[in-house]
PDB file of N, CA and C in Angstrom:
ATOM      1  N   UNK A   1       0.722  -1.268  -0.013  1.00  0.00           N
ATOM      2  CA  UNK A   1      -0.041   0.010   0.047  1.00  0.00           C
ATOM      3  C   UNK A   1       0.839   1.284   0.054  1.00  0.00           C
ATOM      4  N   UNK A   2       1.959   1.246   0.709  1.00  0.00           N
ATOM      5  CA  UNK A   2       2.803   2.408   0.750  1.00  0.00           C
ATOM      6  C   UNK A   2       3.464   2.654  -0.560  1.00  0.00           C
ATOM      7  N   UNK A   3       4.205   1.635  -1.091  1.00  0.00           N
ATOM      8  CA  UNK A   3       4.916   1.808  -2.384  1.00  0.00           C
ATOM      9  C   UNK A   3       3.911   2.225  -3.488  1.00  0.00           C
ATOM     10  N   UNK A   4       2.776   1.693  -3.507  1.00  0.00           N
ATOM     11  CA  UNK A   4       1.774   2.158  -4.390  1.00  0.00           C
ATOM     12  C   UNK A   4       1.413   3.692  -4.347  1.00  0.00           C
ATOM     13  N   UNK A   5       1.580   4.099  -3.110  1.00  0.00           N
ATOM     14  CA  UNK A   5       1.187   5.513  -2.799  1.00  0.00           C
ATOM     15  C   UNK A   5       2.322   6.582  -3.081  1.00  0.00           C
ATOM     16  N   UNK A   6       3.630   5.968  -3.179  1.00  0.00           N
ATOM     17  CA  UNK A   6       4.723   6.917  -3.298  1.00  0.00           C
ATOM     18  C   UNK A   6       5.057   7.025  -4.903  1.00  0.00           C
ATOM     19  N   UNK A   7       4.998   8.166  -5.515  1.00  0.00           N
ATOM     20  CA  UNK A   7       5.378   8.350  -6.812  1.00  0.00           C
ATOM     21  C   UNK A   7       6.542   7.725  -7.177  1.00  0.00           C
ATOM     22  N   UNK A   8       7.705   8.007  -6.323  1.00  0.00           N
ATOM     23  CA  UNK A   8       9.078   7.556  -6.741  1.00  0.00           C
ATOM     24  C   UNK A   8       9.316   5.999  -6.582  1.00  0.00           C
ATOM     25  N   UNK A   9       8.419   5.276  -5.776  1.00  0.00           N
ATOM     26  CA  UNK A   9       8.716   3.851  -5.497  1.00  0.00           C
ATOM     27  C   UNK A   9       8.460   3.070  -6.772  1.00  0.00           C
ATOM     28  N   UNK A  10       9.250   2.338  -7.228  1.00  0.00           N
ATOM     29  CA  UNK A  10       9.112   1.348  -8.385  1.00  0.00           C
ATOM     30  C   UNK A  10       9.154  -0.067  -7.969  1.00  0.00           C
ATOM     31  N   UNK A  11       9.829  -0.347  -6.877  1.00  0.00           N
ATOM     32  CA  UNK A  11       9.997  -1.743  -6.400  1.00  0.00           C
ATOM     33  C   UNK A  11      10.004  -1.603  -4.858  1.00  0.00           C
ATOM     34  N   UNK A  12       9.687  -2.730  -4.097  1.00  0.00           N
ATOM     35  CA  UNK A  12       9.842  -2.894  -2.774  1.00  0.00           C
ATOM     36  C   UNK A  12      10.505  -4.210  -2.371  1.00  0.00           C
ATOM     37  N   UNK A  13      11.012  -4.192  -1.183  1.00  0.00           N
ATOM     38  CA  UNK A  13      11.588  -5.330  -0.635  1.00  0.00           C
ATOM     39  C   UNK A  13      11.211  -5.586   0.795  1.00  0.00           C
ATOM     40  N   UNK A  14      10.800  -6.758   1.199  1.00  0.00           N
ATOM     41  CA  UNK A  14      10.243  -7.132   2.486  1.00  0.00           C
ATOM     42  C   UNK A  14      11.172  -8.189   3.094  1.00  0.00           C
ATOM     43  N   UNK A  15      11.625  -8.071   4.335  1.00  0.00           N
ATOM     44  CA  UNK A  15      12.427  -9.054   5.039  1.00  0.00           C
ATOM     45  C   UNK A  15      12.749  -8.735   6.313  1.00  0.00           C
ATOM     46  N   UNK A  16      13.565  -9.657   6.937  1.00  0.00           N
ATOM     47  CA  UNK A  16      14.001  -9.407   8.283  1.00  0.00           C
ATOM     48  C   UNK A  16      15.597  -9.051   8.235  1.00  0.00           C
ATOM     49  N   UNK A  17      15.804  -8.003   9.160  1.00  0.00           N
ATOM     50  CA  UNK A  17      17.190  -7.483   9.342  1.00  0.00           C
ATOM     51  C   UNK A  17      17.418  -7.270  10.738  1.00  0.00           C
ATOM     52  N   UNK A  18      18.395  -7.783  11.280  1.00  0.00           N
ATOM     53  CA  UNK A  18      18.779  -7.648  12.756  1.00  0.00           C
ATOM     54  C   UNK A  18      17.516  -7.991  13.653  1.00  0.00           C
ATOM     55  N   UNK A  19      16.820  -9.081  13.329  1.00  0.00           N
ATOM     56  CA  UNK A  19      15.596  -9.513  14.059  1.00  0.00           C
ATOM     57  C   UNK A  19      14.371  -8.625  13.975  1.00  0.00           C
ATOM     58  N   UNK A  20      14.328  -7.827  13.057  1.00  0.00           N
ATOM     59  CA  UNK A  20      13.137  -6.987  12.823  1.00  0.00           C
ATOM     60  C   UNK A  20      12.692  -7.062  11.461  1.00  0.00           C
ATOM     61  N   UNK A  21      11.234  -7.061  11.266  1.00  0.00           N
ATOM     62  CA  UNK A  21      10.619  -7.139   9.850  1.00  0.00           C
ATOM     63  C   UNK A  21      10.776  -5.594   9.396  1.00  0.00           C
ATOM     64  N   UNK A  22      11.333  -5.488   8.013  1.00  0.00           N
ATOM     65  CA  UNK A  22      11.452  -4.169   7.600  1.00  0.00           C
ATOM     66  C   UNK A  22      10.952  -4.107   6.103  1.00  0.00           C
ATOM     67  N   UNK A  23      10.687  -3.152   5.550  1.00  0.00           N
ATOM     68  CA  UNK A  23      10.280  -2.891   4.249  1.00  0.00           C
ATOM     69  C   UNK A  23      11.107  -1.724   3.668  1.00  0.00           C
ATOM     70  N   UNK A  24      11.749  -2.015   2.302  1.00  0.00           N
ATOM     71  CA  UNK A  24      12.427  -0.892   1.742  1.00  0.00           C
ATOM     72  C   UNK A  24      11.857  -0.523   0.462  1.00  0.00           C
ATOM     73  N   UNK A  25      11.740   0.780   0.146  1.00  0.00           N
ATOM     74  CA  UNK A  25      11.219   1.147  -1.191  1.00  0.00           C
ATOM     75  C   UNK A  25      12.488   1.504  -2.109  1.00  0.00           C
ATOM     76  N   UNK A  26      12.308   1.133  -3.342  1.00  0.00           N
ATOM     77  CA  UNK A  26      13.323   1.230  -4.279  1.00  0.00           C
ATOM     78  C   UNK A  26      12.951   2.042  -5.449  1.00  0.00           C
ATOM     79  N   UNK A  27      13.813   2.823  -5.992  1.00  0.00           N
ATOM     80  CA  UNK A  27      13.642   3.645  -7.137  1.00  0.00           C
ATOM     81  C   UNK A  27      13.716   2.805  -8.423  1.00  0.00           C
ATOM     82  N   UNK A  28      14.479   1.789  -8.346  1.00  0.00           N
ATOM     83  CA  UNK A  28      14.703   0.868  -9.477  1.00  0.00           C
ATOM     84  C   UNK A  28      14.978  -0.501  -9.074  1.00  0.00           C
ATOM     85  N   UNK A  29      15.313  -1.407 -10.034  1.00  0.00           N
ATOM     86  CA  UNK A  29      15.466  -2.813  -9.804  1.00  0.00           C
ATOM     87  C   UNK A  29      16.928  -3.193  -9.730  1.00  0.00           C
ATOM     88  N   UNK A  30      17.826  -2.171  -9.748  1.00  0.00           N
ATOM     89  CA  UNK A  30      19.286  -2.486  -9.748  1.00  0.00           C
ATOM     90  C   UNK A  30      19.808  -3.045  -8.427  1.00  0.00           C
ATOM     91  N   UNK A  31      20.704  -3.864  -8.507  1.00  0.00           N
ATOM     92  CA  UNK A  31      21.423  -4.369  -7.330  1.00  0.00           C
ATOM     93  C   UNK A  31      20.601  -5.556  -6.668  1.00  0.00           C
ATOM     94  N   UNK A  32      19.735  -6.298  -7.366  1.00  0.00           N
ATOM     95  CA  UNK A  32      19.040  -7.298  -6.797  1.00  0.00           C
ATOM     96  C   UNK A  32      19.949  -8.446  -6.447  1.00  0.00           C
ATOM     97  N   UNK A  33      19.690  -9.167  -5.377  1.00  0.00           N
ATOM     98  CA  UNK A  33      20.402 -10.248  -5.064  1.00  0.00           C
ATOM     99  C   UNK A  33      19.499 -11.284  -4.502  1.00  0.00           C
ATOM    100  N   UNK A  34      19.789 -12.601  -4.701  1.00  0.00           N
ATOM    101  CA  UNK A  34      18.937 -13.581  -4.184  1.00  0.00           C
ATOM    102  C   UNK A  34      19.302 -13.787  -2.675  1.00  0.00           C
ATOM    103  N   UNK A  35      18.184 -13.929  -1.826  1.00  0.00           N
ATOM    104  CA  UNK A  35      18.464 -14.102  -0.302  1.00  0.00           C
ATOM    105  C   UNK A  35      17.277 -14.852   0.288  1.00  0.00           C
ATOM    106  N   UNK A  36      17.694 -15.525   1.231  1.00  0.00           N
ATOM    107  CA  UNK A  36      16.622 -16.200   1.900  1.00  0.00           C
ATOM    108  C   UNK A  36      15.871 -15.385   3.024  1.00  0.00           C
ATOM    109  N   UNK A  37      14.656 -15.478   3.088  1.00  0.00           N
ATOM    110  CA  UNK A  37      13.895 -14.703   3.995  1.00  0.00           C
ATOM    111  C   UNK A  37      13.398 -13.275   3.432  1.00  0.00           C
ATOM    112  N   UNK A  38      13.676 -13.048   2.238  1.00  0.00           N
ATOM    113  CA  UNK A  38      13.253 -11.786   1.575  1.00  0.00           C
ATOM    114  C   UNK A  38      12.442 -12.037   0.587  1.00  0.00           C
ATOM    115  N   UNK A  39      11.429 -10.974   0.307  1.00  0.00           N
ATOM    116  CA  UNK A  39      10.533 -11.132  -0.898  1.00  0.00           C
ATOM    117  C   UNK A  39      10.535  -9.631  -1.501  1.00  0.00           C
ATOM    118  N   UNK A  40      10.518  -9.613  -2.822  1.00  0.00           N
ATOM    119  CA  UNK A  40      10.607  -8.255  -3.484  1.00  0.00           C
ATOM    120  C   UNK A  40       9.540  -8.359  -4.599  1.00  0.00           C
ATOM    121  N   UNK A  41       9.145  -7.245  -4.968  1.00  0.00           N
ATOM    122  CA  UNK A  41       8.205  -7.066  -6.078  1.00  0.00           C
ATOM    123  C   UNK A  41       8.141  -5.699  -6.652  1.00  0.00           C
ATOM    124  N   UNK A  42       7.550  -5.506  -7.860  1.00  0.00           N
ATOM    125  CA  UNK A  42       7.362  -4.244  -8.506  1.00  0.00           C
ATOM    126  C   UNK A  42       6.233  -3.494  -7.864  1.00  0.00           C
ATOM    127  N   UNK A  43       6.113  -2.159  -8.124  1.00  0.00           N
ATOM    128  CA  UNK A  43       5.096  -1.385  -7.560  1.00  0.00           C
ATOM    129  C   UNK A  43       3.642  -2.043  -7.897  1.00  0.00           C
ATOM    130  N   UNK A  44       3.464  -2.722  -9.119  1.00  0.00           N
ATOM    131  CA  UNK A  44       2.372  -3.231  -9.669  1.00  0.00           C
ATOM    132  C   UNK A  44       1.982  -4.466  -8.830  1.00  0.00           C
ATOM    133  N   UNK A  45       2.868  -5.098  -8.050  1.00  0.00           N
ATOM    134  CA  UNK A  45       2.694  -6.391  -7.380  1.00  0.00           C
ATOM    135  C   UNK A  45       2.073  -6.096  -5.948  1.00  0.00           C
ATOM    136  N   UNK A  46       0.755  -6.195  -5.907  1.00  0.00           N
ATOM    137  CA  UNK A  46      -0.019  -5.826  -4.695  1.00  0.00           C
ATOM    138  C   UNK A  46      -1.306  -6.550  -4.745  1.00  0.00           C
ATOM    139  N   UNK A  47      -1.992  -6.924  -3.680  1.00  0.00           N
ATOM    140  CA  UNK A  47      -3.294  -7.532  -3.600  1.00  0.00           C
ATOM    141  C   UNK A  47      -4.328  -6.749  -4.431  1.00  0.00           C
ATOM    142  N   UNK A  48      -5.128  -7.597  -5.068  1.00  0.00           N
ATOM    143  CA  UNK A  48      -6.346  -7.013  -5.879  1.00  0.00           C
ATOM    144  C   UNK A  48      -7.100  -6.094  -4.907  1.00  0.00           C
ATOM    145  N   UNK A  49      -7.542  -4.938  -5.478  1.00  0.00           N
ATOM    146  CA  UNK A  49      -8.258  -4.044  -4.689  1.00  0.00           C
ATOM    147  C   UNK A  49      -7.569  -3.015  -4.006  1.00  0.00           C
ATOM    148  N   UNK A  50      -6.286  -3.167  -3.844  1.00  0.00           N
ATOM    149  CA  UNK A  50      -5.435  -2.288  -3.111  1.00  0.00           C
ATOM    150  C   UNK A  50      -5.407  -0.936  -3.885  1.00  0.00           C
ATOM    151  N   UNK A  51      -5.526   0.173  -3.196  1.00  0.00           N
ATOM    152  CA  UNK A  51      -5.449   1.529  -3.680  1.00  0.00           C
ATOM    153  C   UNK A  51      -4.390   2.371  -2.969  1.00  0.00           C
ATOM    154  N   UNK A  52      -3.911   3.319  -3.701  1.00  0.00           N
ATOM    155  CA  UNK A  52      -2.938   4.309  -3.213  1.00  0.00           C
ATOM    156  C   UNK A  52      -3.686   5.081  -1.979  1.00  0.00           C
ATOM    157  N   UNK A  53      -2.872   5.364  -1.037  1.00  0.00           N
ATOM    158  CA  UNK A  53      -3.294   6.231   0.150  1.00  0.00           C
ATOM    159  C   UNK A  53      -3.567   7.615  -0.412  1.00  0.00           C
ATOM    160  N   UNK A  54      -4.532   8.300   0.133  1.00  0.00           N
ATOM    161  CA  UNK A  54      -4.605   9.685  -0.020  1.00  0.00           C
ATOM    162  C   UNK A  54      -3.515  10.441   0.699  1.00  0.00           C
ATOM    163  N   UNK A  55      -2.783  11.386  -0.043  1.00  0.00           N
ATOM    164  CA  UNK A  55      -1.598  12.020   0.567  1.00  0.00           C
ATOM    165  C   UNK A  55      -2.288  13.167   1.583  1.00  0.00           C
ATOM    166  N   UNK A  56      -1.834  13.050   2.814  1.00  0.00           N
ATOM    167  CA  UNK A  56      -2.192  14.166   3.777  1.00  0.00           C
ATOM    168  C   UNK A  56      -3.599  13.796   4.342  1.00  0.00           C
ATOM    169  N   UNK A  57      -3.862  14.836   5.193  1.00  0.00           N
ATOM    170  CA  UNK A  57      -5.217  14.757   5.912  1.00  0.00           C
ATOM    171  C   UNK A  57      -6.194  15.780   5.311  1.00  0.00           C
ATOM    172  N   UNK A  58      -7.183  15.364   4.696  1.00  0.00           N
ATOM    173  CA  UNK A  58      -8.133  16.322   3.992  1.00  0.00           C
ATOM    174  C   UNK A  58      -8.675  17.427   4.953  1.00  0.00           C
ATOM    175  N   UNK A  59      -8.734  17.020   6.264  1.00  0.00           N
ATOM    176  CA  UNK A  59      -9.284  17.998   7.281  1.00  0.00           C
ATOM    177  C   UNK A  59      -8.453  19.287   7.566  1.00  0.00           C
ATOM    178  N   UNK A  60      -7.260  19.227   6.870  1.00  0.00           N
ATOM    179  CA  UNK A  60      -6.397  20.377   7.320  1.00  0.00           C
ATOM    180  C   UNK A  60      -6.420  21.467   6.279  1.00  0.00           C
ATOM    181  N   UNK A  61      -6.979  21.284   5.136  1.00  0.00           N
ATOM    182  CA  UNK A  61      -6.938  22.266   4.004  1.00  0.00           C
ATOM    183  C   UNK A  61      -7.989  23.251   3.963  1.00  0.00           C
ATOM    184  N   UNK A  62      -7.690  24.466   4.170  1.00  0.00           N
ATOM    185  CA  UNK A  62      -8.567  25.578   4.166  1.00  0.00           C
ATOM    186  C   UNK A  62      -7.969  26.727   3.508  1.00  0.00           C
ATOM    187  N   UNK A  63      -8.804  27.686   2.803  1.00  0.00           N
ATOM    188  CA  UNK A  63      -8.378  28.972   2.417  1.00  0.00           C
ATOM    189  C   UNK A  63      -7.078  28.929   1.687  1.00  0.00           C
ATOM    190  N   UNK A  64      -6.991  28.206   0.544  1.00  0.00           N
ATOM    191  CA  UNK A  64      -5.854  28.133  -0.349  1.00  0.00           C
ATOM    192  C   UNK A  64      -4.729  27.179   0.111  1.00  0.00           C
ATOM    193  N   UNK A  65      -4.820  26.626   1.306  1.00  0.00           N
ATOM    194  CA  UNK A  65      -3.679  25.613   1.675  1.00  0.00           C
ATOM    195  C   UNK A  65      -4.132  24.270   1.098  1.00  0.00           C
ATOM    196  N   UNK A  66      -3.084  23.487   0.757  1.00  0.00           N
ATOM    197  CA  UNK A  66      -3.292  22.138   0.342  1.00  0.00           C
ATOM    198  C   UNK A  66      -2.018  21.291   0.639  1.00  0.00           C
ATOM    199  N   UNK A  67      -2.081  20.130   0.085  1.00  0.00           N
ATOM    200  CA  UNK A  67      -0.959  19.120   0.501  1.00  0.00           C
ATOM    201  C   UNK A  67       0.328  19.776  -0.311  1.00  0.00           C
ATOM    202  N   UNK A  68       0.131  20.194  -1.587  1.00  0.00           N
ATOM    203  CA  UNK A  68       1.318  20.586  -2.322  1.00  0.00           C
ATOM    204  C   UNK A  68       1.955  21.799  -1.792  1.00  0.00           C
ATOM    205  N   UNK A  69       1.135  22.847  -1.274  1.00  0.00           N
ATOM    206  CA  UNK A  69       1.615  24.059  -0.790  1.00  0.00           C
ATOM    207  C   UNK A  69       2.273  23.971   0.595  1.00  0.00           C
ATOM    208  N   UNK A  70       1.834  22.869   1.329  1.00  0.00           N
ATOM    209  CA  UNK A  70       2.257  22.727   2.734  1.00  0.00           C
ATOM    210  C   UNK A  70       3.335  21.571   2.978  1.00  0.00           C
ATOM    211  N   UNK A  71       3.180  20.494   2.147  1.00  0.00           N
ATOM    212  CA  UNK A  71       3.883  19.188   2.433  1.00  0.00           C
ATOM    213  C   UNK A  71       4.976  18.894   1.448  1.00  0.00           C
ATOM    214  N   UNK A  72       5.078  19.618   0.327  1.00  0.00           N
ATOM    215  CA  UNK A  72       6.041  19.260  -0.691  1.00  0.00           C
ATOM    216  C   UNK A  72       7.542  19.230  -0.001  1.00  0.00           C
ATOM    217  N   UNK A  73       8.273  18.076  -0.340  1.00  0.00           N
ATOM    218  CA  UNK A  73       9.575  17.966   0.083  1.00  0.00           C
ATOM    219  C   UNK A  73      10.544  19.181  -0.109  1.00  0.00           C
ATOM    220  N   UNK A  74      10.223  19.996  -1.073  1.00  0.00           N
ATOM    221  CA  UNK A  74      11.116  21.167  -1.278  1.00  0.00           C
ATOM    222  C   UNK A  74      11.126  22.122  -0.046  1.00  0.00           C
ATOM    223  N   UNK A  75      10.086  22.015   0.851  1.00  0.00           N
ATOM    224  CA  UNK A  75       9.944  22.917   1.883  1.00  0.00           C
ATOM    225  C   UNK A  75      10.900  22.294   3.152  1.00  0.00           C
ATOM    226  N   UNK A  76      11.426  21.103   2.993  1.00  0.00           N
ATOM    227  CA  UNK A  76      12.287  20.563   4.035  1.00  0.00           C
ATOM    228  C   UNK A  76      11.461  19.538   4.898  1.00  0.00           C
ATOM    229  N   UNK A  77      12.153  18.940   5.887  1.00  0.00           N
ATOM    230  CA  UNK A  77      11.485  17.917   6.818  1.00  0.00           C
ATOM    231  C   UNK A  77      10.194  18.245   7.554  1.00  0.00           C
ATOM    232  N   UNK A  78      10.065  19.622   7.739  1.00  0.00           N
ATOM    233  CA  UNK A  78       8.880  20.046   8.475  1.00  0.00           C
ATOM    234  C   UNK A  78       7.747  20.604   7.603  1.00  0.00           C
ATOM    235  N   UNK A  79       7.894  20.646   6.315  1.00  0.00           N
ATOM    236  CA  UNK A  79       7.053  21.230   5.505  1.00  0.00           C
ATOM    237  C   UNK A  79       7.138  22.777   5.417  1.00  0.00           C
ATOM    238  N   UNK A  80       6.169  23.445   4.971  1.00  0.00           N
ATOM    239  CA  UNK A  80       6.155  24.944   4.668  1.00  0.00           C
ATOM    240  C   UNK A  80       5.678  25.525   6.033  1.00  0.00           C
ATOM    241  N   UNK A  81       6.541  26.184   6.826  1.00  0.00           N
ATOM    242  CA  UNK A  81       6.280  26.816   8.095  1.00  0.00           C
ATOM    243  C   UNK A  81       5.046  27.752   8.022  1.00  0.00           C
ATOM    244  N   UNK A  82       4.765  28.334   6.802  1.00  0.00           N
ATOM    245  CA  UNK A  82       3.641  29.365   6.857  1.00  0.00           C
ATOM    246  C   UNK A  82       2.354  28.572   6.963  1.00  0.00           C
ATOM    247  N   UNK A  83       2.303  27.307   6.864  1.00  0.00           N
ATOM    248  CA  UNK A  83       1.082  26.481   6.998  1.00  0.00           C
ATOM    249  C   UNK A  83       0.702  26.085   8.307  1.00  0.00           C
ATOM    250  N   UNK A  84       1.657  26.206   9.273  1.00  0.00           N
ATOM    251  CA  UNK A  84       1.410  25.615  10.604  1.00  0.00           C
ATOM    252  C   UNK A  84       1.043  26.536  11.718  1.00  0.00           C
ATOM    253  N   UNK A  85       0.219  26.187  12.655  1.00  0.00           N
ATOM    254  CA  UNK A  85      -0.142  27.081  13.788  1.00  0.00           C
ATOM    255  C   UNK A  85      -0.396  26.121  15.011  1.00  0.00           C
ATOM    256  N   UNK A  86      -1.119  26.549  16.009  1.00  0.00           N
ATOM    257  CA  UNK A  86      -1.356  25.756  17.121  1.00  0.00           C
ATOM    258  C   UNK A  86      -2.302  24.605  16.856  1.00  0.00           C
ATOM    259  N   UNK A  87      -3.073  24.574  15.794  1.00  0.00           N
ATOM    260  CA  UNK A  87      -4.089  23.465  15.601  1.00  0.00           C
ATOM    261  C   UNK A  87      -3.376  22.558  14.331  1.00  0.00           C
ATOM    262  N   UNK A  88      -2.784  23.208  13.394  1.00  0.00           N
ATOM    263  CA  UNK A  88      -2.317  22.441  12.280  1.00  0.00           C
ATOM    264  C   UNK A  88      -0.847  22.201  12.284  1.00  0.00           C
ATOM    265  N   UNK A  89      -0.294  21.029  12.049  1.00  0.00           N
ATOM    266  CA  UNK A  89       1.161  20.835  12.037  1.00  0.00           C
ATOM    267  C   UNK A  89       1.470  19.853  10.943  1.00  0.00           C
ATOM    268  N   UNK A  90       2.778  19.614  10.698  1.00  0.00           N
ATOM    269  CA  UNK A  90       3.163  18.738   9.651  1.00  0.00           C
ATOM    270  C   UNK A  90       2.758  17.327   9.929  1.00  0.00           C
ATOM    271  N   UNK A  91       2.938  16.827  11.129  1.00  0.00           N
ATOM    272  CA  UNK A  91       2.517  15.449  11.409  1.00  0.00           C
ATOM    273  C   UNK A  91       1.100  15.211  11.178  1.00  0.00           C
ATOM    274  N   UNK A  92       0.251  16.164  11.704  1.00  0.00           N
ATOM    275  CA  UNK A  92      -1.194  15.909  11.615  1.00  0.00           C
ATOM    276  C   UNK A  92      -1.631  16.147  10.064  1.00  0.00           C
ATOM    277  N   UNK A  93      -1.076  16.945   9.317  1.00  0.00           N
ATOM    278  CA  UNK A  93      -1.557  17.318   8.039  1.00  0.00           C
ATOM    279  C   UNK A  93      -0.959  16.690   6.822  1.00  0.00           C
ATOM    280  N   UNK A  94       0.311  16.175   6.953  1.00  0.00           N
ATOM    281  CA  UNK A  94       1.037  15.618   5.767  1.00  0.00           C
ATOM    282  C   UNK A  94       1.155  14.088   5.733  1.00  0.00           C
ATOM    283  N   UNK A  95       0.802  13.523   6.892  1.00  0.00           N
ATOM    284  CA  UNK A  95       0.732  12.095   6.846  1.00  0.00           C
ATOM    285  C   UNK A  95      -0.714  11.510   6.645  1.00  0.00           C
ATOM    286  N   UNK A  96      -0.938  10.362   5.994  1.00  0.00           N
ATOM    287  CA  UNK A  96      -2.214   9.928   5.782  1.00  0.00           C
ATOM    288  C   UNK A  96      -2.954   9.654   7.114  1.00  0.00           C
ATOM    289  N   UNK A  97      -4.350   9.992   7.037  1.00  0.00           N
ATOM    290  CA  UNK A  97      -5.091   9.581   8.292  1.00  0.00           C
ATOM    291  C   UNK A  97      -5.081   8.061   8.580  1.00  0.00           C
ATOM    292  N   UNK A  98      -5.023   7.256   7.414  1.00  0.00           N
ATOM    293  CA  UNK A  98      -5.033   5.842   7.628  1.00  0.00           C
ATOM    294  C   UNK A  98      -3.739   5.294   8.187  1.00  0.00           C
ATOM    295  N   UNK A  99      -4.038   4.108   8.927  1.00  0.00           N
ATOM    296  CA  UNK A  99      -2.717   3.454   9.446  1.00  0.00           C
ATOM    297  C   UNK A  99      -2.033   2.850   8.353  1.00  0.00           C
ATOM    298  N   UNK A 100      -0.689   2.896   8.343  1.00  0.00           N
ATOM    299  CA  UNK A 100       0.183   2.312   7.281  1.00  0.00           C
ATOM    300  C   UNK A 100       0.183   0.834   7.469  1.00  0.00           C
TER     301      UNK A 100
END
């Protein structure tokens, strides 16, 4: 669901590293290696009916603010500071409402 939602993600890898289950998102298929305990797939490899997550929280956008003007990576790791106040902030507005 996450790779499907990320425009840059073309492939994903799922497996265990240092005793933890992890998922990596890849820009391409370069550097693939066979390994036990790992599974990988293309962005198109997902269960039927799976849909991309909506980017951000719809409840945050009023009066000309939207995901692109507040959450675009070009604004840095905390988004566009002009968008945030005591009610609205990067974590609340730029991450999907759905659980990952």
